[in-house]
C-alpha atoms as a PDB file:
ATOM      1  CA  MET A   1     102.433  93.763  94.589  1.00  0.00           C
ATOM      2  CA  LYS A   2      98.848  94.380  92.232  1.00  0.00           C
ATOM      3  CA  LEU A   3      97.342  91.576  90.517  1.00  0.00           C
ATOM      4  CA  SER A   4      98.411  92.922  86.980  1.00  0.00           C
ATOM      5  CA  ASP A   5     101.768  92.374  87.893  1.00  0.00           C
ATOM      6  CA  LEU A   6     101.364  87.893  87.888  1.00  0.00           C
ATOM      7  CA  LYS A   7     103.402  86.571  84.814  1.00  0.00           C
ATOM      8  CA  LEU A   8     101.059  83.619  82.889  1.00  0.00           C
ATOM      9  CA  GLY A   9     101.553  80.046  84.870  1.00  0.00           C
ATOM     10  CA  GLN A  10     102.327  82.028  88.177  1.00  0.00           C
ATOM     11  CA  LYS A  11     101.112  79.862  91.366  1.00  0.00           C
ATOM     12  CA  VAL A  12      99.770  81.053  93.566  1.00  0.00           C
ATOM     13  CA  SER A  13      97.361  80.257  97.082  1.00  0.00           C
ATOM     14  CA  ILE A  14      94.208  81.723  96.634  1.00  0.00           C
ATOM     15  CA  ASN A  15      92.385  81.445 100.133  1.00  0.00           C
ATOM     16  CA  GLY A  16      94.394  78.177 101.220  1.00  0.00           C
ATOM     17  CA  THR A  17      93.546  76.740  97.323  1.00  0.00           C
ATOM     18  CA  ALA A  18      96.676  76.705  95.353  1.00  0.00           C
ATOM     19  CA  SER A  19      95.550  77.998  91.764  1.00  0.00           C
ATOM     20  CA  GLU A  20      97.657  78.869  88.698  1.00  0.00           C
ATOM     21  CA  TYR A  21      97.416  82.519  86.873  1.00  0.00           C
ATOM     22  CA  GLN A  22      95.906  81.813  82.941  1.00  0.00           C
ATOM     23  CA  GLY A  23      95.893  85.430  82.475  1.00  0.00           C
ATOM     24  CA  ILE A  24      92.732  87.927  80.885  1.00  0.00           C
ATOM     25  CA  ARG A  25      90.351  85.443  78.937  1.00  0.00           C
ATOM     26  CA  LYS A  26      86.640  86.313  77.460  1.00  0.00           C
ATOM     27  CA  VAL A  27      84.164  83.900  79.560  1.00  0.00           C
ATOM     28  CA  LYS A  28      80.684  83.452  78.241  1.00  0.00           C
ATOM     29  CA  ILE A  29      78.317  84.591  81.447  1.00  0.00           C
ATOM     30  CA  PRO A  30      74.768  83.158  80.818  1.00  0.00           C
ATOM     31  CA  ASN A  31      72.037  85.622  79.461  1.00  0.00           C
ATOM     32  CA  PHE A  32      74.714  87.931  79.415  1.00  0.00           C
ATOM     33  CA  GLY A  33      77.025  87.411  76.712  1.00  0.00           C
ATOM     34  CA  LYS A  34      81.109  87.720  76.591  1.00  0.00           C
ATOM     35  CA  VAL A  35      83.045  89.767  79.207  1.00  0.00           C
ATOM     36  CA  GLU A  36      86.891  89.431  80.100  1.00  0.00           C
ATOM     37  CA  LYS A  37      88.324  88.519  83.299  1.00  0.00           C
ATOM     38  CA  ARG A  38      91.726  87.474  85.436  1.00  0.00           C
ATOM     39  CA  VAL A  39      90.975  83.545  85.767  1.00  0.00           C
ATOM     40  CA  PHE A  40      92.510  81.326  87.794  1.00  0.00           C
ATOM     41  CA  ARG A  41      93.080  77.362  87.287  1.00  0.00           C
ATOM     42  CA  ARG A  42      92.929  75.337  90.678  1.00  0.00           C
ATOM     43  CA  ASP A  43      95.685  72.303  90.229  1.00  0.00           C
ATOM     44  CA  GLU A  44      93.430  70.061  92.383  1.00  0.00           C
ATOM     45  CA  ASN A  45      90.141  69.981  90.411  1.00  0.00           C
ATOM     46  CA  GLY A  46      90.367  72.067  87.586  1.00  0.00           C
ATOM     47  CA  GLU A  47      87.733  75.044  88.536  1.00  0.00           C
ATOM     48  CA  CYS A  48      88.527  78.217  87.710  1.00  0.00           C
ATOM     49  CA  ILE A  49      88.414  81.510  89.833  1.00  0.00           C
ATOM     50  CA  TYR A  50      87.360  84.882  87.860  1.00  0.00           C
ATOM     51  CA  TYR A  51      88.328  88.160  88.980  1.00  0.00           C
ATOM     52  CA  ASN A  52      87.100  91.666  86.606  1.00  0.00           C
ATOM     53  CA  ILE A  53      89.833  92.966  84.946  1.00  0.00           C
ATOM     54  CA  ILE A  54      88.750  96.480  87.597  1.00  0.00           C
ATOM     55  CA  ASP A  55      90.843  94.241  90.141  1.00  0.00           C
ATOM     56  CA  GLY A  56      94.426  94.179  88.553  1.00  0.00           C
ATOM     57  CA  THR A  57      94.669  97.842  89.933  1.00  0.00           C
ATOM     58  CA  LYS A  58      94.103  96.418  93.836  1.00  0.00           C
ATOM     59  CA  THR A  59      97.197  94.609  96.034  1.00  0.00           C
ATOM     60  CA  LEU A  60      97.048  90.753  96.332  1.00  0.00           C
ATOM     61  CA  LYS A  61      97.511  91.173 100.196  1.00  0.00           C
ATOM     62  CA  ASN A  62      93.469  92.764  99.597  1.00  0.00           C
ATOM     63  CA  LEU A  63      92.200  90.479  97.650  1.00  0.00           C
ATOM     64  CA  GLY A  64      93.736  87.204  99.861  1.00  0.00           C
ATOM     65  CA  ILE A  65      95.666  85.671  97.442  1.00  0.00           C
ATOM     66  CA  LYS A  66      99.790  85.071  98.305  1.00  0.00           C
ATOM     67  CA  LEU A  67     102.552  84.090  95.742  1.00  0.00           C
ATOM     68  CA  LEU A  68     104.130  80.095  96.717  1.00  0.00           C
END
């Protein structure tokens, strides 16, 4: 399964941490501007994990992501 195949709200485990897929969002990067990234929100503390749009073609196994 590829990263782009995930559905909104789907639960995954990233490096042993439970997270929820939030979809593609615009993220502000200091001293650069806004870019679109794939966003995962961690369940325990609400922090976000970002992946580049190009990573959508990579498999979940290659990125260290497991479905829950």
